[in-house]
N, C-alpha and C. Protein backbone atom coordinates (compact mmCIF):
# COMPACT_ATOMS: atom_id res chain seq x y z
N UNK A 1 259.82 83.69 189.28
CA UNK A 1 260.04 85.14 189.45
C UNK A 1 261.60 85.39 189.23
N UNK A 2 262.52 84.83 189.98
CA UNK A 2 263.65 85.03 190.33
C UNK A 2 264.39 84.70 189.00
N UNK A 3 263.93 83.59 188.21
CA UNK A 3 264.42 82.82 187.04
C UNK A 3 264.20 83.90 186.20
N UNK A 4 263.45 84.47 185.81
CA UNK A 4 262.73 85.74 184.96
C UNK A 4 264.10 86.86 185.19
N UNK A 5 264.36 87.22 186.36
CA UNK A 5 264.90 88.57 186.60
C UNK A 5 266.48 87.99 186.21
N UNK A 6 266.99 87.00 186.76
CA UNK A 6 268.08 86.61 186.28
C UNK A 6 268.60 86.30 184.66
N UNK A 7 267.59 85.84 184.17
CA UNK A 7 267.41 85.88 182.75
C UNK A 7 267.73 87.38 182.42
N UNK A 8 266.75 88.24 182.40
CA UNK A 8 266.66 89.43 182.27
C UNK A 8 267.86 90.52 182.15
N UNK A 9 268.74 89.88 183.53
CA UNK A 9 270.02 90.52 183.72
C UNK A 9 271.06 89.83 182.77
N UNK A 10 271.08 89.00 182.71
CA UNK A 10 272.10 88.07 181.61
C UNK A 10 271.97 88.85 179.93
N UNK A 11 270.77 88.62 179.92
CA UNK A 11 270.53 89.48 178.43
C UNK A 11 270.85 91.10 178.57
N UNK A 12 270.41 91.58 179.27
CA UNK A 12 271.13 93.24 179.49
C UNK A 12 272.50 93.09 179.65
N UNK A 13 273.07 92.40 180.40
CA UNK A 13 274.62 92.30 180.64
C UNK A 13 275.46 92.27 179.00
N UNK A 14 274.63 91.32 178.22
CA UNK A 14 275.13 90.30 176.94
C UNK A 14 275.03 91.84 176.00
N UNK A 15 273.79 92.43 175.73
CA UNK A 15 274.12 94.10 175.16
C UNK A 15 274.82 94.91 175.55
N UNK A 16 274.90 94.88 177.10
CA UNK A 16 275.68 96.16 177.29
C UNK A 16 277.23 96.20 176.80
N UNK A 17 277.46 94.62 176.66
CA UNK A 17 279.00 94.47 176.52
C UNK A 17 279.13 94.48 175.52
N UNK A 18 278.25 94.45 174.46
CA UNK A 18 278.26 94.62 173.19
C UNK A 18 278.11 95.60 172.10
N UNK A 19 277.76 97.13 173.21
CA UNK A 19 277.54 98.10 172.50
C UNK A 19 278.40 98.95 172.22
N UNK A 20 278.82 99.76 171.48
CA UNK A 20 279.70 100.35 170.97
C UNK A 20 280.54 101.60 172.02
N UNK A 21 279.90 101.92 173.20
CA UNK A 21 280.09 102.45 174.66
C UNK A 21 281.39 101.58 174.78
N UNK A 22 281.12 100.64 175.14
CA UNK A 22 282.23 99.67 175.78
C UNK A 22 283.34 99.30 174.99
N UNK A 23 284.02 99.66 173.27
CA UNK A 23 284.90 99.29 172.56
C UNK A 23 285.18 100.91 172.86
N UNK A 24 286.74 100.66 173.54
CA UNK A 24 287.23 102.18 173.91
C UNK A 24 288.77 102.24 173.08
N UNK A 25 288.82 103.41 173.36
CA UNK A 25 290.29 104.10 172.31
C UNK A 25 291.35 104.64 173.63
N UNK A 26 292.48 103.82 173.88
CA UNK A 26 293.22 104.89 174.60
C UNK A 26 294.51 104.80 174.68
N UNK A 27 295.20 105.74 174.47
CA UNK A 27 296.62 105.98 173.82
C UNK A 27 297.25 106.42 174.75
N UNK A 28 298.73 106.75 175.22
CA UNK A 28 299.66 106.97 176.23
C UNK A 28 299.71 108.24 175.11
N UNK A 29 299.85 109.31 176.41
CA UNK A 29 300.28 110.80 175.55
C UNK A 29 301.56 110.86 176.07
N UNK A 30 302.65 111.69 175.89
CA UNK A 30 304.13 112.15 176.20
C UNK A 30 304.30 113.69 176.07
N UNK A 31 304.97 114.20 176.75
CA UNK A 31 305.29 115.72 176.50
C UNK A 31 306.75 115.67 176.25
N UNK A 32 307.52 115.62 175.38
CA UNK A 32 309.16 115.26 175.17
C UNK A 32 309.83 116.76 175.22
N UNK A 33 310.79 117.12 176.22
CA UNK A 33 311.66 117.86 176.25
C UNK A 33 313.22 117.69 175.29
N UNK A 34 313.22 118.85 175.04
CA UNK A 34 314.55 118.41 173.74
C UNK A 34 315.58 119.92 174.47
N UNK A 35 316.71 119.03 174.52
CA UNK A 35 318.07 119.58 175.01
C UNK A 35 318.90 120.34 173.87
N UNK A 36 319.80 120.91 174.34
CA UNK A 36 320.80 121.47 173.32
C UNK A 36 321.95 120.30 173.05
N UNK A 37 322.18 119.78 174.12
CA UNK A 37 323.21 118.46 174.03
C UNK A 37 323.52 117.95 174.92
N UNK A 38 324.25 116.98 175.37
CA UNK A 38 324.23 115.55 176.22
C UNK A 38 324.43 115.89 177.67
N UNK A 39 324.44 117.13 177.63
CA UNK A 39 324.70 117.94 179.09
C UNK A 39 323.20 117.86 179.95
N UNK A 40 322.07 117.97 179.09
CA UNK A 40 320.88 117.94 179.03
C UNK A 40 320.69 119.01 180.10
N UNK A 41 321.18 119.85 179.72
CA UNK A 41 321.16 121.72 180.86
C UNK A 41 320.06 122.51 180.08
N UNK A 42 320.44 123.01 178.84
CA UNK A 42 319.48 123.94 178.29
C UNK A 42 318.65 123.42 177.33
N UNK A 43 317.36 123.86 177.75
CA UNK A 43 315.90 123.31 177.13
C UNK A 43 315.84 123.87 175.70
N UNK A 44 315.52 124.14 174.41
CA UNK A 44 315.52 124.29 173.20
C UNK A 44 314.30 124.12 173.02
N UNK A 45 312.98 123.28 173.59
CA UNK A 45 311.87 123.11 172.87
C UNK A 45 311.42 121.79 173.32
N UNK A 46 310.04 121.73 173.14
CA UNK A 46 308.74 121.16 173.58
C UNK A 46 308.60 120.15 172.27
N UNK A 47 307.55 119.09 172.74
CA UNK A 47 306.65 118.54 171.92
C UNK A 47 306.09 118.20 172.46
N UNK A 48 304.44 118.53 172.41
CA UNK A 48 303.38 118.60 172.94
C UNK A 48 302.30 117.26 172.09
N UNK A 49 301.47 116.98 172.90
CA UNK A 49 300.41 115.58 172.53
C UNK A 49 299.34 117.14 172.48
N UNK A 50 298.52 116.34 171.14
CA UNK A 50 297.16 116.90 171.41
C UNK A 50 296.16 115.78 170.93
N UNK A 51 295.05 115.66 171.60
CA UNK A 51 294.41 114.34 171.39
C UNK A 51 293.05 114.56 169.91
N UNK A 52 293.13 113.52 169.25
CA UNK A 52 292.17 113.57 168.02
C UNK A 52 291.07 112.74 168.15
N UNK A 53 290.32 112.30 167.34
CA UNK A 53 289.29 111.46 167.47
C UNK A 53 289.70 110.30 167.56
N UNK A 54 290.44 109.63 167.33
CA UNK A 54 291.07 108.12 167.53
C UNK A 54 292.52 108.16 167.25
N UNK A 55 293.39 109.44 167.84
CA UNK A 55 294.96 109.49 167.29
C UNK A 55 295.25 110.28 168.49
N UNK A 56 296.74 110.42 168.53
CA UNK A 56 297.47 111.39 169.39
C UNK A 56 298.22 112.24 168.18
N UNK A 57 298.30 113.47 168.00
CA UNK A 57 299.05 114.16 167.01
C UNK A 57 300.18 115.52 168.08
N UNK A 58 301.37 114.90 167.47
CA UNK A 58 302.40 116.08 168.56
C UNK A 58 302.65 117.17 167.76
N UNK A 59 302.68 118.63 168.58
CA UNK A 59 303.41 119.59 167.83
C UNK A 59 305.12 119.59 168.13
N UNK A 60 305.33 120.56 167.57
CA UNK A 60 306.85 121.09 168.26
C UNK A 60 306.90 122.27 168.37
N UNK A 61 307.14 122.37 169.78
CA UNK A 61 307.63 123.99 169.52
C UNK A 61 308.91 124.54 169.73
N UNK A 62 309.21 124.84 169.66
CA UNK A 62 311.51 125.20 169.49
C UNK A 62 312.32 124.70 168.36
N UNK A 63 313.11 123.96 168.80
CA UNK A 63 314.11 123.29 167.78
C UNK A 63 313.90 121.77 168.41
N UNK A 64 314.22 121.10 167.24
CA UNK A 64 314.14 119.22 167.51
C UNK A 64 315.61 118.96 167.82
N UNK A 65 315.78 118.45 168.72
CA UNK A 65 317.28 118.00 169.16
C UNK A 65 317.55 116.32 169.43
N UNK A 66 318.26 115.53 169.47
CA UNK A 66 318.03 114.44 169.34
C UNK A 66 318.26 113.96 170.94
N UNK A 67 318.64 114.99 171.69
CA UNK A 67 319.08 114.95 173.39
C UNK A 67 317.34 115.41 173.86
N UNK A 68 317.05 114.27 174.40
CA UNK A 68 315.40 114.35 174.72
C UNK A 68 315.64 113.88 175.87
N UNK A 69 314.06 113.66 176.98
CA UNK A 69 313.76 112.99 177.55
C UNK A 69 312.07 112.88 177.27
N UNK A 70 311.20 111.93 177.46
CA UNK A 70 310.10 112.24 177.76
C UNK A 70 309.25 111.93 179.21
N UNK A 71 307.88 112.35 179.09
CA UNK A 71 307.07 112.54 180.34
C UNK A 71 306.01 112.00 180.07
N UNK A 72 305.67 111.21 180.59
CA UNK A 72 304.12 110.47 180.44
C UNK A 72 303.09 111.66 181.29
N UNK A 73 301.99 111.72 180.34
CA UNK A 73 301.42 113.09 181.07
C UNK A 73 299.80 112.56 180.85
N UNK A 74 299.16 111.53 180.01
CA UNK A 74 297.79 110.81 180.08
C UNK A 74 297.67 110.23 179.29
N UNK A 75 296.43 110.28 178.96
CA UNK A 75 295.62 109.27 177.86
C UNK A 75 294.84 110.06 176.75
N UNK A 76 294.69 109.96 175.82
CA UNK A 76 293.77 110.69 174.88
C UNK A 76 292.84 108.79 174.47
N UNK A 77 291.65 109.27 174.95
CA UNK A 77 290.57 108.51 174.53
C UNK A 77 289.29 109.03 173.74
N UNK A 78 288.66 108.00 173.20
CA UNK A 78 287.44 108.91 172.23
C UNK A 78 286.41 109.63 173.33
N UNK A 79 286.21 110.03 174.35
CA UNK A 79 286.07 111.01 174.62
C UNK A 79 286.80 112.31 175.09
N UNK A 80 288.26 112.39 174.54
CA UNK A 80 289.22 113.56 174.86
C UNK A 80 290.31 113.14 175.69
N UNK A 81 290.74 114.17 176.49
CA UNK A 81 292.06 114.00 176.99
C UNK A 81 291.36 113.59 178.31
N UNK A 82 292.45 112.54 179.15
CA UNK A 82 292.09 111.80 180.65
C UNK A 82 293.58 111.81 180.89
N UNK A 83 293.28 113.13 181.91
CA UNK A 83 295.23 113.19 182.50
C UNK A 83 295.23 112.18 183.84
N UNK A 84 296.35 112.17 184.39
CA UNK A 84 296.62 111.33 185.28
C UNK A 84 295.81 111.97 186.68
């Protein structure tokens, strides 16, 4: 009886680990703050993440410059947004 239960558990764990639900997509997402110059005092824009099915897409709001800082804000997963 105990052997039959252990065998059933082993087979169940094999199928669960091979299921598509265990294959996961997880990508880090960042908000980028854009500054007017190298003093990093005047904010002129942001780049915000948006989660897609299996990708992160970024959208610019404001003016793009090379003076930036990035802030990690969470993950995009196959189930949607996963905040910190």
